[in-house]
């Protein structure tokens, strides 16, 4: 009996790379979609923005994990062609990752993609994770390393950050079982903490003082534009930081534990595991 073949979009990303490992540990054959030229037979080249390579990526695929990459503000434009191709191929299951709060606005690009998948006739799951802990060792790492500061327009509210490894473990479980079919899950981490608490936890593992300093949204915008991100995506980032400052990302859920049978990782485990980054 041949193994099921699962397509992982964003296979080299923060969640995708962990998901590939999780699925391989479950003896699943993984096809890794990459924007670069493939370097192995397990990879397929796919340009999510132009759609080039979509049909080829889905050839022989049984199930798929879909996401929209960072830098794209209109996530629906990226996700809809993937959902349509999955439908055309009659995939056994699709797991779509959006973001916590995506279902709050029926006109948002993420929610439009969710509805399209829900109405596709395919067996599906939707996962909506909160902000990733891993942002601190990737997107926000420069300020920590160079200035010992977390510099963000995040206010002083609590956020139930989630470890990307737990998102991957949830996605792997949903792709390999049918217990939770056709459900959506809002995924939070173990605890809700503010950015000063994150700074203190990082300080504890690197043995130097790291602090959180709130900046104006315009300062972050200038930095992100300077890094080459598209302006519409930068405006999207500022919009969701506004929701964060209003406290919309503070809530805790038990969905990770419901699916995995264990609690999600917390702040201290995250900072201990990634201390070399800082």
C-alpha atoms as a PDB file:
ATOM      1  CA  UNK A   1       0.000   0.000   0.000  1.00  0.00           C
ATOM      2  CA  UNK A   2       1.480   3.337  -1.050  1.00  0.00           C
ATOM      3  CA  UNK A   3       1.926   6.187   1.398  1.00  0.00           C
ATOM      4  CA  UNK A   4      -0.385   9.174   1.301  1.00  0.00           C
ATOM      5  CA  UNK A   5       1.238  12.136  -0.395  1.00  0.00           C
ATOM      6  CA  UNK A   6       0.819  15.490   1.343  1.00  0.00           C
ATOM      7  CA  UNK A   7       1.640  18.836  -0.279  1.00  0.00           C
ATOM      8  CA  UNK A   8       3.020  21.409   2.164  1.00  0.00           C
ATOM      9  CA  UNK A   9       2.838  25.007   0.941  1.00  0.00           C
ATOM     10  CA  UNK A  10       5.498  27.199   2.537  1.00  0.00           C
ATOM     11  CA  UNK A  11       7.584  24.152   3.397  1.00  0.00           C
ATOM     12  CA  UNK A  12      10.692  26.171   4.232  1.00  0.00           C
ATOM     13  CA  UNK A  13       8.833  28.631   6.465  1.00  0.00           C
ATOM     14  CA  UNK A  14       8.484  28.824  10.228  1.00  0.00           C
ATOM     15  CA  UNK A  15       5.492  26.483  10.478  1.00  0.00           C
ATOM     16  CA  UNK A  16       6.062  24.588   7.244  1.00  0.00           C
ATOM     17  CA  UNK A  17       9.564  23.369   8.084  1.00  0.00           C
ATOM     18  CA  UNK A  18       8.338  21.924  11.394  1.00  0.00           C
ATOM     19  CA  UNK A  19       5.280  20.451   9.688  1.00  0.00           C
ATOM     20  CA  UNK A  20       7.437  18.635   7.138  1.00  0.00           C
ATOM     21  CA  UNK A  21       9.380  17.024   9.999  1.00  0.00           C
ATOM     22  CA  UNK A  22       6.193  16.121  11.887  1.00  0.00           C
ATOM     23  CA  UNK A  23       4.692  14.438   8.837  1.00  0.00           C
ATOM     24  CA  UNK A  24       7.884  12.575   7.987  1.00  0.00           C
ATOM     25  CA  UNK A  25       7.952  11.283  11.568  1.00  0.00           C
ATOM     26  CA  UNK A  26       4.466   9.898  10.891  1.00  0.00           C
ATOM     27  CA  UNK A  27       5.808   8.106   7.788  1.00  0.00           C
ATOM     28  CA  UNK A  28       3.927  10.374   5.394  1.00  0.00           C
ATOM     29  CA  UNK A  29       5.365  11.210   1.973  1.00  0.00           C
ATOM     30  CA  UNK A  30       5.732  14.990   1.846  1.00  0.00           C
ATOM     31  CA  UNK A  31       5.931  17.150  -1.258  1.00  0.00           C
ATOM     32  CA  UNK A  32       7.517  20.463  -0.323  1.00  0.00           C
ATOM     33  CA  UNK A  33       6.456  23.552  -2.282  1.00  0.00           C
ATOM     34  CA  UNK A  34       9.243  26.090  -2.620  1.00  0.00           C
ATOM     35  CA  UNK A  35       9.613  29.379  -4.452  1.00  0.00           C
ATOM     36  CA  UNK A  36      13.202  28.455  -5.322  1.00  0.00           C
ATOM     37  CA  UNK A  37      14.506  25.961  -7.831  1.00  0.00           C
ATOM     38  CA  UNK A  38      14.004  22.451  -6.366  1.00  0.00           C
ATOM     39  CA  UNK A  39      17.093  20.729  -5.023  1.00  0.00           C
ATOM     40  CA  UNK A  40      15.497  17.318  -4.410  1.00  0.00           C
ATOM     41  CA  UNK A  41      12.789  15.071  -5.834  1.00  0.00           C
ATOM     42  CA  UNK A  42      10.591  15.895  -2.834  1.00  0.00           C
ATOM     43  CA  UNK A  43      10.339  19.553  -3.806  1.00  0.00           C
ATOM     44  CA  UNK A  44       8.203  21.392  -6.364  1.00  0.00           C
ATOM     45  CA  UNK A  45       8.641  24.976  -7.487  1.00  0.00           C
ATOM     46  CA  UNK A  46       5.613  27.176  -6.926  1.00  0.00           C
ATOM     47  CA  UNK A  47       5.175  30.929  -7.258  1.00  0.00           C
ATOM     48  CA  UNK A  48       2.230  31.734  -5.011  1.00  0.00           C
ATOM     49  CA  UNK A  49       1.950  35.327  -6.220  1.00  0.00           C
ATOM     50  CA  UNK A  50       1.752  34.558  -9.955  1.00  0.00           C
ATOM     51  CA  UNK A  51       0.239  31.090  -9.603  1.00  0.00           C
ATOM     52  CA  UNK A  52       2.967  29.583 -11.731  1.00  0.00           C
ATOM     53  CA  UNK A  53       3.413  25.899 -10.925  1.00  0.00           C
ATOM     54  CA  UNK A  54       0.097  25.367  -9.098  1.00  0.00           C
ATOM     55  CA  UNK A  55      -1.191  22.588 -11.344  1.00  0.00           C
ATOM     56  CA  UNK A  56       2.141  20.742 -11.299  1.00  0.00           C
ATOM     57  CA  UNK A  57       2.416  21.030  -7.514  1.00  0.00           C
ATOM     58  CA  UNK A  58      -0.882  19.196  -7.004  1.00  0.00           C
ATOM     59  CA  UNK A  59      -0.102  16.263  -9.311  1.00  0.00           C
ATOM     60  CA  UNK A  60      -0.536  12.974  -7.434  1.00  0.00           C
ATOM     61  CA  UNK A  61      -1.335  14.746  -4.155  1.00  0.00           C
ATOM     62  CA  UNK A  62      -3.774  13.242  -1.632  1.00  0.00           C
ATOM     63  CA  UNK A  63      -3.916  16.008   0.979  1.00  0.00           C
ATOM     64  CA  UNK A  64      -2.584  19.560   1.301  1.00  0.00           C
ATOM     65  CA  UNK A  65      -1.615  22.196   3.842  1.00  0.00           C
ATOM     66  CA  UNK A  66      -2.238  25.728   2.590  1.00  0.00           C
ATOM     67  CA  UNK A  67      -1.130  29.154   3.770  1.00  0.00           C
ATOM     68  CA  UNK A  68      -0.504  32.633   2.430  1.00  0.00           C
ATOM     69  CA  UNK A  69       3.119  33.761   2.781  1.00  0.00           C
ATOM     70  CA  UNK A  70       4.233  36.898   4.642  1.00  0.00           C
ATOM     71  CA  UNK A  71       4.313  39.960   2.436  1.00  0.00           C
ATOM     72  CA  UNK A  72       0.920  39.380   0.781  1.00  0.00           C
ATOM     73  CA  UNK A  73      -1.914  41.608   1.994  1.00  0.00           C
ATOM     74  CA  UNK A  74      -4.609  40.092  -0.243  1.00  0.00           C
ATOM     75  CA  UNK A  75      -4.333  36.535   1.030  1.00  0.00           C
ATOM     76  CA  UNK A  76      -7.456  35.485  -0.888  1.00  0.00           C
ATOM     77  CA  UNK A  77      -5.723  36.093  -4.219  1.00  0.00           C
ATOM     78  CA  UNK A  78      -3.060  33.560  -3.231  1.00  0.00           C
ATOM     79  CA  UNK A  79      -5.252  30.995  -1.508  1.00  0.00           C
ATOM     80  CA  UNK A  80      -8.226  30.814  -3.870  1.00  0.00           C
ATOM     81  CA  UNK A  81      -6.296  29.252  -6.797  1.00  0.00           C
ATOM     82  CA  UNK A  82      -4.899  26.640  -4.396  1.00  0.00           C
ATOM     83  CA  UNK A  83      -8.356  25.793  -3.048  1.00  0.00           C
ATOM     84  CA  UNK A  84      -9.759  25.616  -6.580  1.00  0.00           C
ATOM     85  CA  UNK A  85      -6.993  23.251  -7.685  1.00  0.00           C
ATOM     86  CA  UNK A  86      -7.504  21.080  -4.603  1.00  0.00           C
ATOM     87  CA  UNK A  87     -11.204  20.907  -5.466  1.00  0.00           C
ATOM     88  CA  UNK A  88     -10.482  20.076  -9.085  1.00  0.00           C
ATOM     89  CA  UNK A  89      -8.224  17.230  -8.013  1.00  0.00           C
ATOM     90  CA  UNK A  90     -10.692  15.947  -5.405  1.00  0.00           C
ATOM     91  CA  UNK A  91      -8.174  15.928  -2.545  1.00  0.00           C
ATOM     92  CA  UNK A  92      -9.008  13.817   0.486  1.00  0.00           C
ATOM     93  CA  UNK A  93      -8.369  16.723   2.840  1.00  0.00           C
ATOM     94  CA  UNK A  94      -7.143  20.314   3.003  1.00  0.00           C
ATOM     95  CA  UNK A  95      -5.827  22.068   6.111  1.00  0.00           C
ATOM     96  CA  UNK A  96      -5.800  25.849   5.751  1.00  0.00           C
ATOM     97  CA  UNK A  97      -3.885  28.141   8.104  1.00  0.00           C
ATOM     98  CA  UNK A  98      -5.194  31.702   8.435  1.00  0.00           C
ATOM     99  CA  UNK A  99      -4.922  33.770  11.634  1.00  0.00           C
ATOM    100  CA  UNK A 100      -6.769  34.297  14.894  1.00  0.00           C
ATOM    101  CA  UNK A 101      -9.573  36.772  14.302  1.00  0.00           C
ATOM    102  CA  UNK A 102      -9.813  36.009  10.569  1.00  0.00           C
ATOM    103  CA  UNK A 103     -13.487  35.136  10.963  1.00  0.00           C
ATOM    104  CA  UNK A 104     -14.366  38.476  12.597  1.00  0.00           C
ATOM    105  CA  UNK A 105     -14.769  40.273   9.254  1.00  0.00           C
ATOM    106  CA  UNK A 106     -16.689  38.412   6.522  1.00  0.00           C
ATOM    107  CA  UNK A 107     -15.068  40.598   3.857  1.00  0.00           C
ATOM    108  CA  UNK A 108     -11.472  40.067   4.950  1.00  0.00           C
ATOM    109  CA  UNK A 109      -9.270  38.186   2.454  1.00  0.00           C
ATOM    110  CA  UNK A 110      -8.560  35.409   4.937  1.00  0.00           C
ATOM    111  CA  UNK A 111     -12.242  34.899   5.751  1.00  0.00           C
ATOM    112  CA  UNK A 112     -13.184  34.813   2.058  1.00  0.00           C
ATOM    113  CA  UNK A 113     -10.652  31.995   1.608  1.00  0.00           C
ATOM    114  CA  UNK A 114     -12.048  30.152   4.617  1.00  0.00           C
ATOM    115  CA  UNK A 115     -15.590  30.364   3.256  1.00  0.00           C
ATOM    116  CA  UNK A 116     -14.453  29.167  -0.159  1.00  0.00           C
ATOM    117  CA  UNK A 117     -12.866  26.105   1.431  1.00  0.00           C
ATOM    118  CA  UNK A 118     -15.893  25.468   3.665  1.00  0.00           C
ATOM    119  CA  UNK A 119     -18.174  25.534   0.635  1.00  0.00           C
ATOM    120  CA  UNK A 120     -15.856  23.544  -1.665  1.00  0.00           C
ATOM    121  CA  UNK A 121     -17.205  20.120  -0.754  1.00  0.00           C
ATOM    122  CA  UNK A 122     -13.720  19.054   0.344  1.00  0.00           C
ATOM    123  CA  UNK A 123     -12.990  17.616   3.768  1.00  0.00           C
ATOM    124  CA  UNK A 124     -11.136  20.393   5.575  1.00  0.00           C
ATOM    125  CA  UNK A 125      -9.785  21.946   8.721  1.00  0.00           C
ATOM    126  CA  UNK A 126      -9.046  25.614   9.333  1.00  0.00           C
ATOM    127  CA  UNK A 127      -6.482  26.627  11.942  1.00  0.00           C
ATOM    128  CA  UNK A 128      -6.263  30.220  13.160  1.00  0.00           C
ATOM    129  CA  UNK A 129      -3.133  30.651  15.270  1.00  0.00           C
ATOM    130  CA  UNK A 130      -2.339  33.703  17.356  1.00  0.00           C
ATOM    131  CA  UNK A 131       0.903  35.668  16.925  1.00  0.00           C
ATOM    132  CA  UNK A 132       3.948  33.376  16.807  1.00  0.00           C
ATOM    133  CA  UNK A 133       6.602  33.357  19.535  1.00  0.00           C
ATOM    134  CA  UNK A 134       9.059  32.741  16.694  1.00  0.00           C
ATOM    135  CA  UNK A 135       8.592  36.331  15.489  1.00  0.00           C
ATOM    136  CA  UNK A 136      11.029  37.326  18.233  1.00  0.00           C
ATOM    137  CA  UNK A 137      13.842  35.207  16.780  1.00  0.00           C
ATOM    138  CA  UNK A 138      13.047  36.151  13.162  1.00  0.00           C
ATOM    139  CA  UNK A 139      11.196  39.366  12.272  1.00  0.00           C
ATOM    140  CA  UNK A 140      11.987  41.284  15.493  1.00  0.00           C
ATOM    141  CA  UNK A 141      15.410  39.798  16.209  1.00  0.00           C
ATOM    142  CA  UNK A 142      17.515  42.683  14.900  1.00  0.00           C
ATOM    143  CA  UNK A 143      16.466  45.145  17.601  1.00  0.00           C
ATOM    144  CA  UNK A 144      17.068  42.527  20.295  1.00  0.00           C
ATOM    145  CA  UNK A 145      20.554  41.646  19.056  1.00  0.00           C
ATOM    146  CA  UNK A 146      21.734  45.157  18.179  1.00  0.00           C
ATOM    147  CA  UNK A 147      19.974  47.319  20.787  1.00  0.00           C
ATOM    148  CA  UNK A 148      18.764  44.838  23.427  1.00  0.00           C
ATOM    149  CA  UNK A 149      15.248  46.097  22.739  1.00  0.00           C
ATOM    150  CA  UNK A 150      11.958  44.777  21.438  1.00  0.00           C
ATOM    151  CA  UNK A 151      10.779  47.782  19.421  1.00  0.00           C
ATOM    152  CA  UNK A 152       7.108  47.444  18.475  1.00  0.00           C
ATOM    153  CA  UNK A 153       3.830  49.425  18.559  1.00  0.00           C
ATOM    154  CA  UNK A 154       2.252  46.766  20.765  1.00  0.00           C
ATOM    155  CA  UNK A 155       1.104  48.660  23.864  1.00  0.00           C
ATOM    156  CA  UNK A 156       1.190  46.869  27.201  1.00  0.00           C
ATOM    157  CA  UNK A 157      -1.536  44.294  26.622  1.00  0.00           C
ATOM    158  CA  UNK A 158      -1.306  40.533  27.019  1.00  0.00           C
ATOM    159  CA  UNK A 159      -1.003  38.280  23.979  1.00  0.00           C
ATOM    160  CA  UNK A 160      -1.479  34.497  24.007  1.00  0.00           C
ATOM    161  CA  UNK A 161       1.506  33.883  21.716  1.00  0.00           C
ATOM    162  CA  UNK A 162       1.811  30.376  20.292  1.00  0.00           C
ATOM    163  CA  UNK A 163       4.915  28.381  19.455  1.00  0.00           C
ATOM    164  CA  UNK A 164       5.027  27.606  15.721  1.00  0.00           C
ATOM    165  CA  UNK A 165       6.090  24.042  16.536  1.00  0.00           C
ATOM    166  CA  UNK A 166       2.719  23.491  18.195  1.00  0.00           C
ATOM    167  CA  UNK A 167       0.917  24.855  15.141  1.00  0.00           C
ATOM    168  CA  UNK A 168       2.838  22.353  13.020  1.00  0.00           C
ATOM    169  CA  UNK A 169       2.004  19.493  15.371  1.00  0.00           C
ATOM    170  CA  UNK A 170      -1.698  20.416  15.197  1.00  0.00           C
ATOM    171  CA  UNK A 171      -1.615  20.589  11.394  1.00  0.00           C
ATOM    172  CA  UNK A 172       0.154  17.223  11.181  1.00  0.00           C
ATOM    173  CA  UNK A 173      -2.452  15.609  13.416  1.00  0.00           C
ATOM    174  CA  UNK A 174      -5.328  17.073  11.403  1.00  0.00           C
ATOM    175  CA  UNK A 175      -3.754  15.870   8.156  1.00  0.00           C
ATOM    176  CA  UNK A 176      -3.352  12.311   9.412  1.00  0.00           C
ATOM    177  CA  UNK A 177      -6.599  11.747  11.342  1.00  0.00           C
ATOM    178  CA  UNK A 178     -10.283  12.270  10.632  1.00  0.00           C
ATOM    179  CA  UNK A 179     -11.449  12.859  14.206  1.00  0.00           C
ATOM    180  CA  UNK A 180     -11.765  16.629  13.794  1.00  0.00           C
ATOM    181  CA  UNK A 181     -12.884  16.860  10.159  1.00  0.00           C
ATOM    182  CA  UNK A 182     -14.653  19.993   8.908  1.00  0.00           C
ATOM    183  CA  UNK A 183     -13.912  22.113  11.960  1.00  0.00           C
ATOM    184  CA  UNK A 184     -12.066  25.388  12.554  1.00  0.00           C
ATOM    185  CA  UNK A 185      -9.765  25.937  15.522  1.00  0.00           C
ATOM    186  CA  UNK A 186      -8.454  29.088  17.184  1.00  0.00           C
ATOM    187  CA  UNK A 187      -4.978  28.253  18.475  1.00  0.00           C
ATOM    188  CA  UNK A 188      -3.324  30.017  21.401  1.00  0.00           C
ATOM    189  CA  UNK A 189      -0.272  29.217  23.455  1.00  0.00           C
ATOM    190  CA  UNK A 190      -0.047  28.194  27.095  1.00  0.00           C
ATOM    191  CA  UNK A 191      -0.091  31.654  28.623  1.00  0.00           C
ATOM    192  CA  UNK A 192      -0.940  35.265  27.839  1.00  0.00           C
ATOM    193  CA  UNK A 193       2.019  37.601  28.359  1.00  0.00           C
ATOM    194  CA  UNK A 194       2.897  41.168  27.441  1.00  0.00           C
ATOM    195  CA  UNK A 195       5.972  42.213  25.507  1.00  0.00           C
ATOM    196  CA  UNK A 196       7.816  43.285  28.662  1.00  0.00           C
ATOM    197  CA  UNK A 197       7.423  39.749  29.997  1.00  0.00           C
ATOM    198  CA  UNK A 198       8.810  38.377  26.734  1.00  0.00           C
ATOM    199  CA  UNK A 199      11.782  40.753  27.059  1.00  0.00           C
ATOM    200  CA  UNK A 200      12.399  39.583  30.627  1.00  0.00           C
ATOM    201  CA  UNK A 201      12.239  35.918  29.601  1.00  0.00           C
ATOM    202  CA  UNK A 202      14.781  36.561  26.844  1.00  0.00           C
ATOM    203  CA  UNK A 203      16.966  38.438  29.347  1.00  0.00           C
ATOM    204  CA  UNK A 204      16.898  35.410  31.635  1.00  0.00           C
ATOM    205  CA  UNK A 205      18.355  33.079  28.997  1.00  0.00           C
ATOM    206  CA  UNK A 206      20.916  35.436  27.400  1.00  0.00           C
ATOM    207  CA  UNK A 207      22.256  36.894  30.681  1.00  0.00           C
ATOM    208  CA  UNK A 208      21.904  40.516  29.596  1.00  0.00           C
ATOM    209  CA  UNK A 209      19.084  42.999  29.938  1.00  0.00           C
ATOM    210  CA  UNK A 210      16.585  43.085  27.094  1.00  0.00           C
ATOM    211  CA  UNK A 211      13.675  45.519  27.374  1.00  0.00           C
ATOM    212  CA  UNK A 212      10.488  46.285  25.505  1.00  0.00           C
ATOM    213  CA  UNK A 213      10.073  49.800  24.146  1.00  0.00           C
ATOM    214  CA  UNK A 214       6.825  50.882  22.549  1.00  0.00           C
ATOM    215  CA  UNK A 215       7.240  52.793  19.302  1.00  0.00           C
ATOM    216  CA  UNK A 216       4.792  54.677  17.129  1.00  0.00           C
ATOM    217  CA  UNK A 217       3.232  52.692  14.279  1.00  0.00           C
ATOM    218  CA  UNK A 218       4.800  55.102  11.774  1.00  0.00           C
ATOM    219  CA  UNK A 219       8.271  54.147  13.026  1.00  0.00           C
ATOM    220  CA  UNK A 220       7.584  50.469  12.382  1.00  0.00           C
ATOM    221  CA  UNK A 221       6.098  51.329   8.993  1.00  0.00           C
ATOM    222  CA  UNK A 222       9.258  53.181   7.962  1.00  0.00           C
ATOM    223  CA  UNK A 223      11.402  50.243   9.049  1.00  0.00           C
ATOM    224  CA  UNK A 224       9.320  47.658   7.219  1.00  0.00           C
ATOM    225  CA  UNK A 225       9.202  49.733   4.044  1.00  0.00           C
ATOM    226  CA  UNK A 226      12.957  50.178   4.330  1.00  0.00           C
ATOM    227  CA  UNK A 227      13.283  46.395   4.494  1.00  0.00           C
ATOM    228  CA  UNK A 228      11.512  46.161   1.143  1.00  0.00           C
ATOM    229  CA  UNK A 229       8.046  45.001   2.174  1.00  0.00           C
ATOM    230  CA  UNK A 230       5.121  46.155  -0.008  1.00  0.00           C
ATOM    231  CA  UNK A 231       3.203  49.130   1.384  1.00  0.00           C
ATOM    232  CA  UNK A 232      -0.169  47.345   1.332  1.00  0.00           C
ATOM    233  CA  UNK A 233       1.286  44.553   3.458  1.00  0.00           C
ATOM    234  CA  UNK A 234       2.902  47.030   5.843  1.00  0.00           C
ATOM    235  CA  UNK A 235      -0.479  48.749   6.266  1.00  0.00           C
ATOM    236  CA  UNK A 236      -2.021  45.335   6.956  1.00  0.00           C
ATOM    237  CA  UNK A 237       0.620  44.734   9.668  1.00  0.00           C
ATOM    238  CA  UNK A 238      -0.173  48.082  11.292  1.00  0.00           C
ATOM    239  CA  UNK A 239      -3.882  47.232  11.191  1.00  0.00           C
ATOM    240  CA  UNK A 240      -3.405  43.968  13.066  1.00  0.00           C
ATOM    241  CA  UNK A 241      -1.059  45.637  15.562  1.00  0.00           C
ATOM    242  CA  UNK A 242      -3.965  48.004  16.226  1.00  0.00           C
ATOM    243  CA  UNK A 243      -6.189  45.020  17.054  1.00  0.00           C
ATOM    244  CA  UNK A 244      -3.414  43.616  19.256  1.00  0.00           C
ATOM    245  CA  UNK A 245      -3.163  46.910  21.216  1.00  0.00           C
ATOM    246  CA  UNK A 246      -6.915  46.766  21.818  1.00  0.00           C
ATOM    247  CA  UNK A 247      -6.512  43.404  23.546  1.00  0.00           C
ATOM    248  CA  UNK A 248      -8.058  41.187  20.866  1.00  0.00           C
ATOM    249  CA  UNK A 249      -5.160  38.691  21.006  1.00  0.00           C
ATOM    250  CA  UNK A 250      -5.190  38.045  24.747  1.00  0.00           C
ATOM    251  CA  UNK A 251      -7.641  35.150  24.888  1.00  0.00           C
ATOM    252  CA  UNK A 252      -6.568  31.612  25.712  1.00  0.00           C
ATOM    253  CA  UNK A 253      -8.100  28.541  24.087  1.00  0.00           C
ATOM    254  CA  UNK A 254      -7.773  24.819  24.828  1.00  0.00           C
ATOM    255  CA  UNK A 255      -7.778  23.791  21.153  1.00  0.00           C
ATOM    256  CA  UNK A 256      -4.105  22.718  21.012  1.00  0.00           C
ATOM    257  CA  UNK A 257      -4.589  20.427  23.999  1.00  0.00           C
ATOM    258  CA  UNK A 258      -7.869  19.098  22.551  1.00  0.00           C
ATOM    259  CA  UNK A 259      -6.109  18.048  19.338  1.00  0.00           C
ATOM    260  CA  UNK A 260      -2.684  16.987  20.651  1.00  0.00           C
ATOM    261  CA  UNK A 261      -3.604  15.623  24.064  1.00  0.00           C
ATOM    262  CA  UNK A 262      -0.978  17.863  25.689  1.00  0.00           C
ATOM    263  CA  UNK A 263      -0.644  21.509  26.608  1.00  0.00           C
ATOM    264  CA  UNK A 264       1.100  23.915  24.231  1.00  0.00           C
ATOM    265  CA  UNK A 265       4.582  25.222  24.900  1.00  0.00           C
ATOM    266  CA  UNK A 266       4.909  28.350  27.017  1.00  0.00           C
ATOM    267  CA  UNK A 267       7.156  31.406  27.015  1.00  0.00           C
ATOM    268  CA  UNK A 268       9.960  29.959  29.133  1.00  0.00           C
ATOM    269  CA  UNK A 269      10.321  26.838  27.010  1.00  0.00           C
ATOM    270  CA  UNK A 270      10.344  28.931  23.843  1.00  0.00           C
ATOM    271  CA  UNK A 271      13.067  31.305  25.046  1.00  0.00           C
ATOM    272  CA  UNK A 272      15.200  28.448  26.354  1.00  0.00           C
ATOM    273  CA  UNK A 273      14.941  26.575  23.048  1.00  0.00           C
ATOM    274  CA  UNK A 274      15.803  29.625  20.912  1.00  0.00           C
ATOM    275  CA  UNK A 275      18.319  31.466  23.103  1.00  0.00           C
ATOM    276  CA  UNK A 276      21.099  31.079  20.518  1.00  0.00           C
ATOM    277  CA  UNK A 277      19.172  33.402  18.208  1.00  0.00           C
ATOM    278  CA  UNK A 278      19.706  36.352  20.571  1.00  0.00           C
END
